[in-house]
Amino acid sequence: MRYIKYLFLLAIAFCLLILALANRSSVQIKLLPEELAAYLGQPFSYELPLFVIIFAGIVVGLLIGFVWEWLREHKHRADARSQKREKEKLLREVKGIKAQTARDKGQDEVLALLDNAT
C-alpha cells in the first residue's frame, strides 16, 4: 500500500512538473483595477510565470480548505474535550468508590491502595 501511495505522489509531481514546463511564459497579473491603482498611485501589477500563479492558486485553495475544516470541526473537538474530562472524573469516582467499599469490608488499606493502582 505504501508503494501505491509513493507511485501516486510521483505521478502528481510529474504532472505538476510538466504543467510548470508548459507554462513558463510570463503573464501580467493585476491586483487592483486600473482606476483604483491610478487613484492610489501604485500600479499593483506584476509579471510572473503562469505556473507560479497556478501553483499559488492551488496553495491558497488548500489553505482556505484547511482553515474552513478546522473551524467547522471546532464543535466536535470541544465535545471530545468535555467527554474526556467527564470520563476522567468518572474514573476517579469509581476508584474512590472501590476504595470505600474495600474499607467497608474491612480489607487492609494497603491492599485497597494496590487494588486502586490496577
N, C-alpha and C. Protein backbone atom coordinates (compact mmCIF):
# COMPACT_ATOMS: atom_id res chain seq x y z
N MET A 1 0.82 -1.19 0.00
CA MET A 1 0.00 0.00 0.00
C MET A 1 0.87 1.26 0.00
N ARG A 2 1.99 1.17 0.70
CA ARG A 2 2.89 2.32 0.78
C ARG A 2 3.46 2.63 -0.60
N TYR A 3 3.75 1.61 -1.38
CA TYR A 3 4.31 1.83 -2.72
C TYR A 3 3.30 2.48 -3.65
N ILE A 4 2.03 2.12 -3.47
CA ILE A 4 0.98 2.74 -4.29
C ILE A 4 0.90 4.23 -3.97
N LYS A 5 1.02 4.57 -2.68
CA LYS A 5 0.98 5.98 -2.28
C LYS A 5 2.16 6.73 -2.90
N TYR A 6 3.36 6.14 -2.84
CA TYR A 6 4.53 6.79 -3.42
C TYR A 6 4.40 6.93 -4.93
N LEU A 7 3.85 5.91 -5.58
CA LEU A 7 3.65 5.96 -7.01
C LEU A 7 2.65 7.07 -7.38
N PHE A 8 1.60 7.21 -6.59
CA PHE A 8 0.61 8.26 -6.82
C PHE A 8 1.23 9.64 -6.63
N LEU A 9 2.01 9.82 -5.57
CA LEU A 9 2.67 11.11 -5.34
C LEU A 9 3.67 11.42 -6.45
N LEU A 10 4.36 10.42 -6.94
CA LEU A 10 5.30 10.60 -8.03
C LEU A 10 4.56 11.02 -9.31
N ALA A 11 3.41 10.43 -9.57
CA ALA A 11 2.62 10.80 -10.75
C ALA A 11 2.12 12.24 -10.64
N ILE A 12 1.70 12.64 -9.45
CA ILE A 12 1.26 14.03 -9.25
C ILE A 12 2.42 14.99 -9.46
N ALA A 13 3.59 14.66 -8.90
CA ALA A 13 4.77 15.52 -9.06
C ALA A 13 5.16 15.63 -10.53
N PHE A 14 5.07 14.53 -11.26
CA PHE A 14 5.41 14.54 -12.68
C PHE A 14 4.44 15.43 -13.45
N CYS A 15 3.14 15.32 -13.14
CA CYS A 15 2.15 16.17 -13.81
C CYS A 15 2.37 17.64 -13.51
N LEU A 16 2.71 17.96 -12.26
CA LEU A 16 2.97 19.36 -11.90
C LEU A 16 4.23 19.88 -12.58
N LEU A 17 5.22 19.03 -12.74
CA LEU A 17 6.45 19.43 -13.44
C LEU A 17 6.16 19.70 -14.92
N ILE A 18 5.38 18.84 -15.55
CA ILE A 18 5.00 19.05 -16.95
C ILE A 18 4.19 20.33 -17.09
N LEU A 19 3.27 20.58 -16.15
CA LEU A 19 2.48 21.80 -16.17
C LEU A 19 3.36 23.04 -16.05
N ALA A 20 4.35 22.98 -15.18
CA ALA A 20 5.25 24.11 -14.99
C ALA A 20 6.10 24.36 -16.24
N LEU A 21 6.56 23.29 -16.86
CA LEU A 21 7.38 23.45 -18.06
C LEU A 21 6.56 23.98 -19.24
N ALA A 22 5.30 23.61 -19.30
CA ALA A 22 4.45 24.05 -20.41
C ALA A 22 3.99 25.50 -20.24
N ASN A 23 4.03 26.03 -19.02
CA ASN A 23 3.51 27.38 -18.76
C ASN A 23 4.59 28.28 -18.18
N ARG A 24 5.72 28.35 -18.86
CA ARG A 24 6.82 29.17 -18.39
C ARG A 24 6.71 30.63 -18.82
N SER A 25 5.86 30.94 -19.75
CA SER A 25 5.79 32.31 -20.25
C SER A 25 5.24 33.25 -19.16
N SER A 26 5.74 34.48 -19.18
CA SER A 26 5.32 35.46 -18.18
C SER A 26 3.97 36.06 -18.56
N VAL A 27 3.17 36.28 -17.54
CA VAL A 27 1.89 36.96 -17.71
C VAL A 27 1.82 38.09 -16.69
N GLN A 28 1.03 39.08 -17.00
CA GLN A 28 0.88 40.21 -16.10
C GLN A 28 -0.37 39.98 -15.25
N ILE A 29 -0.18 40.04 -13.95
CA ILE A 29 -1.31 39.89 -13.03
C ILE A 29 -1.52 41.24 -12.35
N LYS A 30 -2.78 41.69 -12.34
CA LYS A 30 -3.13 42.96 -11.72
C LYS A 30 -3.94 42.66 -10.46
N LEU A 31 -3.52 43.24 -9.37
CA LEU A 31 -4.20 43.01 -8.10
C LEU A 31 -5.37 43.98 -7.88
N LEU A 32 -5.34 45.13 -8.56
CA LEU A 32 -6.42 46.12 -8.45
C LEU A 32 -6.85 46.56 -9.84
N PRO A 33 -8.08 47.01 -9.99
CA PRO A 33 -8.48 47.59 -11.27
C PRO A 33 -7.64 48.83 -11.57
N GLU A 34 -7.51 49.16 -12.85
CA GLU A 34 -6.63 50.26 -13.26
C GLU A 34 -7.02 51.59 -12.63
N GLU A 35 -8.33 51.86 -12.52
CA GLU A 35 -8.78 53.12 -11.95
C GLU A 35 -8.39 53.25 -10.48
N LEU A 36 -8.57 52.19 -9.74
CA LEU A 36 -8.23 52.21 -8.32
C LEU A 36 -6.72 52.30 -8.12
N ALA A 37 -5.96 51.59 -8.95
CA ALA A 37 -4.50 51.65 -8.86
C ALA A 37 -4.00 53.05 -9.20
N ALA A 38 -4.63 53.72 -10.17
CA ALA A 38 -4.23 55.09 -10.52
C ALA A 38 -4.58 56.05 -9.39
N TYR A 39 -5.71 55.82 -8.73
CA TYR A 39 -6.11 56.66 -7.61
C TYR A 39 -5.13 56.54 -6.44
N LEU A 40 -4.67 55.32 -6.18
CA LEU A 40 -3.73 55.09 -5.09
C LEU A 40 -2.30 55.46 -5.47
N GLY A 41 -2.04 55.60 -6.75
CA GLY A 41 -0.71 55.97 -7.19
C GLY A 41 0.26 54.82 -7.26
N GLN A 42 -0.22 53.60 -7.08
CA GLN A 42 0.64 52.42 -7.14
C GLN A 42 0.10 51.47 -8.21
N PRO A 43 0.93 51.10 -9.15
CA PRO A 43 0.47 50.09 -10.11
C PRO A 43 0.66 48.69 -9.50
N PHE A 44 -0.41 48.14 -8.96
CA PHE A 44 -0.34 46.82 -8.35
C PHE A 44 -0.45 45.74 -9.43
N SER A 45 0.58 45.65 -10.27
CA SER A 45 0.63 44.62 -11.29
C SER A 45 2.04 44.04 -11.31
N TYR A 46 2.11 42.76 -11.57
CA TYR A 46 3.38 42.05 -11.55
C TYR A 46 3.48 41.12 -12.75
N GLU A 47 4.69 40.91 -13.20
CA GLU A 47 4.97 39.93 -14.26
C GLU A 47 5.48 38.66 -13.60
N LEU A 48 4.74 37.58 -13.77
CA LEU A 48 5.11 36.30 -13.18
C LEU A 48 4.91 35.20 -14.21
N PRO A 49 5.67 34.11 -14.07
CA PRO A 49 5.38 32.95 -14.92
C PRO A 49 4.00 32.38 -14.57
N LEU A 50 3.33 31.87 -15.56
CA LEU A 50 1.96 31.38 -15.36
C LEU A 50 1.91 30.23 -14.36
N PHE A 51 2.92 29.36 -14.36
CA PHE A 51 2.87 28.22 -13.45
C PHE A 51 2.95 28.67 -11.99
N VAL A 52 3.62 29.80 -11.71
CA VAL A 52 3.68 30.31 -10.34
C VAL A 52 2.29 30.74 -9.90
N ILE A 53 1.55 31.36 -10.78
CA ILE A 53 0.19 31.79 -10.45
C ILE A 53 -0.72 30.57 -10.24
N ILE A 54 -0.55 29.56 -11.07
CA ILE A 54 -1.37 28.35 -10.92
C ILE A 54 -1.06 27.66 -9.60
N PHE A 55 0.24 27.49 -9.29
CA PHE A 55 0.62 26.83 -8.03
C PHE A 55 0.20 27.66 -6.82
N ALA A 56 0.30 28.99 -6.92
CA ALA A 56 -0.14 29.85 -5.81
C ALA A 56 -1.64 29.70 -5.60
N GLY A 57 -2.40 29.58 -6.67
CA GLY A 57 -3.84 29.36 -6.55
C GLY A 57 -4.17 28.05 -5.87
N ILE A 58 -3.40 27.02 -6.20
CA ILE A 58 -3.61 25.71 -5.56
C ILE A 58 -3.31 25.80 -4.07
N VAL A 59 -2.20 26.43 -3.72
CA VAL A 59 -1.81 26.55 -2.31
C VAL A 59 -2.83 27.37 -1.53
N VAL A 60 -3.27 28.49 -2.10
CA VAL A 60 -4.27 29.31 -1.41
C VAL A 60 -5.57 28.54 -1.23
N GLY A 61 -5.97 27.79 -2.24
CA GLY A 61 -7.18 26.98 -2.12
C GLY A 61 -7.06 25.92 -1.03
N LEU A 62 -5.91 25.27 -0.95
CA LEU A 62 -5.70 24.28 0.11
C LEU A 62 -5.74 24.92 1.49
N LEU A 63 -5.10 26.07 1.63
CA LEU A 63 -5.10 26.75 2.93
C LEU A 63 -6.50 27.17 3.34
N ILE A 64 -7.27 27.69 2.41
CA ILE A 64 -8.65 28.06 2.72
C ILE A 64 -9.45 26.82 3.13
N GLY A 65 -9.26 25.71 2.44
CA GLY A 65 -9.96 24.48 2.79
C GLY A 65 -9.57 23.95 4.16
N PHE A 66 -8.28 24.01 4.50
CA PHE A 66 -7.84 23.55 5.82
C PHE A 66 -8.41 24.41 6.93
N VAL A 67 -8.38 25.72 6.75
CA VAL A 67 -8.91 26.62 7.77
C VAL A 67 -10.42 26.43 7.90
N TRP A 68 -11.11 26.28 6.79
CA TRP A 68 -12.56 26.07 6.81
C TRP A 68 -12.91 24.80 7.60
N GLU A 69 -12.21 23.72 7.33
CA GLU A 69 -12.47 22.47 8.04
C GLU A 69 -12.13 22.58 9.52
N TRP A 70 -11.03 23.26 9.84
CA TRP A 70 -10.65 23.43 11.24
C TRP A 70 -11.73 24.18 11.99
N LEU A 71 -12.28 25.24 11.37
CA LEU A 71 -13.35 25.99 12.01
C LEU A 71 -14.64 25.17 12.11
N ARG A 72 -14.92 24.39 11.07
CA ARG A 72 -16.14 23.58 11.06
C ARG A 72 -16.11 22.49 12.12
N GLU A 73 -14.94 21.94 12.38
CA GLU A 73 -14.82 20.83 13.33
C GLU A 73 -14.59 21.28 14.77
N HIS A 74 -14.66 22.59 15.02
CA HIS A 74 -14.45 23.09 16.37
C HIS A 74 -15.44 22.48 17.36
N LYS A 75 -16.69 22.35 16.94
CA LYS A 75 -17.72 21.78 17.82
C LYS A 75 -17.37 20.35 18.22
N HIS A 76 -16.87 19.56 17.28
CA HIS A 76 -16.53 18.17 17.56
C HIS A 76 -15.34 18.08 18.52
N ARG A 77 -14.35 18.96 18.34
CA ARG A 77 -13.19 18.95 19.23
C ARG A 77 -13.60 19.37 20.64
N ALA A 78 -14.50 20.35 20.76
CA ALA A 78 -14.96 20.79 22.07
C ALA A 78 -15.74 19.67 22.76
N ASP A 79 -16.58 18.94 22.02
CA ASP A 79 -17.31 17.81 22.59
C ASP A 79 -16.35 16.72 23.07
N ALA A 80 -15.33 16.45 22.28
CA ALA A 80 -14.36 15.42 22.66
C ALA A 80 -13.62 15.81 23.94
N ARG A 81 -13.26 17.10 24.07
CA ARG A 81 -12.58 17.55 25.28
C ARG A 81 -13.48 17.41 26.51
N SER A 82 -14.75 17.79 26.37
CA SER A 82 -15.65 17.69 27.52
C SER A 82 -15.92 16.23 27.88
N GLN A 83 -16.02 15.35 26.89
CA GLN A 83 -16.21 13.93 27.18
C GLN A 83 -14.98 13.33 27.85
N LYS A 84 -13.80 13.77 27.46
CA LYS A 84 -12.58 13.28 28.09
C LYS A 84 -12.53 13.70 29.56
N ARG A 85 -12.88 14.97 29.84
CA ARG A 85 -12.91 15.43 31.23
C ARG A 85 -13.93 14.65 32.05
N GLU A 86 -15.09 14.41 31.45
CA GLU A 86 -16.14 13.65 32.15
C GLU A 86 -15.68 12.22 32.42
N LYS A 87 -15.01 11.60 31.46
CA LYS A 87 -14.51 10.23 31.64
C LYS A 87 -13.50 10.17 32.77
N GLU A 88 -12.57 11.14 32.80
CA GLU A 88 -11.56 11.14 33.87
C GLU A 88 -12.21 11.35 35.23
N LYS A 89 -13.23 12.20 35.29
CA LYS A 89 -13.93 12.45 36.54
C LYS A 89 -14.63 11.17 37.01
N LEU A 90 -15.29 10.48 36.09
CA LEU A 90 -15.98 9.24 36.45
C LEU A 90 -15.01 8.15 36.88
N LEU A 91 -13.84 8.07 36.24
CA LEU A 91 -12.85 7.09 36.66
C LEU A 91 -12.36 7.36 38.08
N ARG A 92 -12.15 8.64 38.40
CA ARG A 92 -11.75 8.98 39.78
C ARG A 92 -12.84 8.59 40.77
N GLU A 93 -14.09 8.82 40.40
CA GLU A 93 -15.20 8.46 41.28
C GLU A 93 -15.27 6.94 41.48
N VAL A 94 -15.07 6.17 40.42
CA VAL A 94 -15.11 4.71 40.52
C VAL A 94 -13.99 4.21 41.42
N LYS A 95 -12.79 4.78 41.27
CA LYS A 95 -11.68 4.37 42.14
C LYS A 95 -11.97 4.70 43.60
N GLY A 96 -12.58 5.86 43.83
CA GLY A 96 -12.94 6.23 45.20
C GLY A 96 -13.98 5.30 45.79
N ILE A 97 -14.95 4.92 44.99
CA ILE A 97 -15.99 4.00 45.45
C ILE A 97 -15.40 2.63 45.74
N LYS A 98 -14.47 2.17 44.89
CA LYS A 98 -13.83 0.87 45.13
C LYS A 98 -13.02 0.91 46.43
N ALA A 99 -12.33 2.01 46.67
CA ALA A 99 -11.55 2.12 47.90
C ALA A 99 -12.46 2.16 49.11
N GLN A 100 -13.58 2.88 49.01
CA GLN A 100 -14.53 2.96 50.12
C GLN A 100 -15.14 1.60 50.40
N THR A 101 -15.48 0.87 49.35
CA THR A 101 -16.05 -0.46 49.51
C THR A 101 -15.06 -1.40 50.16
N ALA A 102 -13.79 -1.30 49.76
CA ALA A 102 -12.77 -2.16 50.35
C ALA A 102 -12.58 -1.84 51.83
N ARG A 103 -12.65 -0.56 52.18
CA ARG A 103 -12.50 -0.18 53.59
C ARG A 103 -13.70 -0.65 54.40
N ASP A 104 -14.90 -0.58 53.78
CA ASP A 104 -16.11 -1.02 54.48
C ASP A 104 -16.11 -2.52 54.73
N LYS A 105 -15.49 -3.27 53.86
CA LYS A 105 -15.43 -4.72 54.01
C LYS A 105 -14.36 -5.12 55.01
N GLY A 106 -13.60 -4.18 55.46
CA GLY A 106 -12.56 -4.49 56.44
C GLY A 106 -11.26 -4.92 55.78
N GLN A 107 -11.13 -4.69 54.53
CA GLN A 107 -9.90 -5.06 53.82
C GLN A 107 -8.79 -4.10 54.25
N ASP A 108 -7.62 -4.61 54.23
CA ASP A 108 -6.46 -3.81 54.61
C ASP A 108 -6.33 -2.62 53.66
N GLU A 109 -5.95 -1.44 54.17
CA GLU A 109 -5.84 -0.25 53.34
C GLU A 109 -4.72 -0.36 52.31
N VAL A 110 -3.69 -1.10 52.65
CA VAL A 110 -2.59 -1.30 51.69
C VAL A 110 -3.10 -2.09 50.50
N LEU A 111 -3.91 -3.13 50.77
CA LEU A 111 -4.47 -3.92 49.67
C LEU A 111 -5.45 -3.07 48.85
N ALA A 112 -6.18 -2.19 49.50
CA ALA A 112 -7.10 -1.31 48.77
C ALA A 112 -6.33 -0.36 47.87
N LEU A 113 -5.21 0.15 48.35
CA LEU A 113 -4.40 1.03 47.51
C LEU A 113 -3.83 0.27 46.31
N LEU A 114 -3.38 -0.95 46.53
CA LEU A 114 -2.87 -1.76 45.43
C LEU A 114 -3.97 -2.07 44.43
N ASP A 115 -5.18 -2.30 44.93
CA ASP A 115 -6.31 -2.58 44.05
C ASP A 115 -6.65 -1.35 43.21
N ASN A 116 -6.53 -0.16 43.78
CA ASN A 116 -6.79 1.07 43.04
C ASN A 116 -5.74 1.34 41.98
N ALA A 117 -4.53 0.88 42.20
CA ALA A 117 -3.44 1.14 41.23
C ALA A 117 -3.63 0.34 39.96
N THR A 118 -4.37 -0.73 39.98
CA THR A 118 -4.55 -1.54 38.79
C THR A 118 -5.72 -1.12 37.97
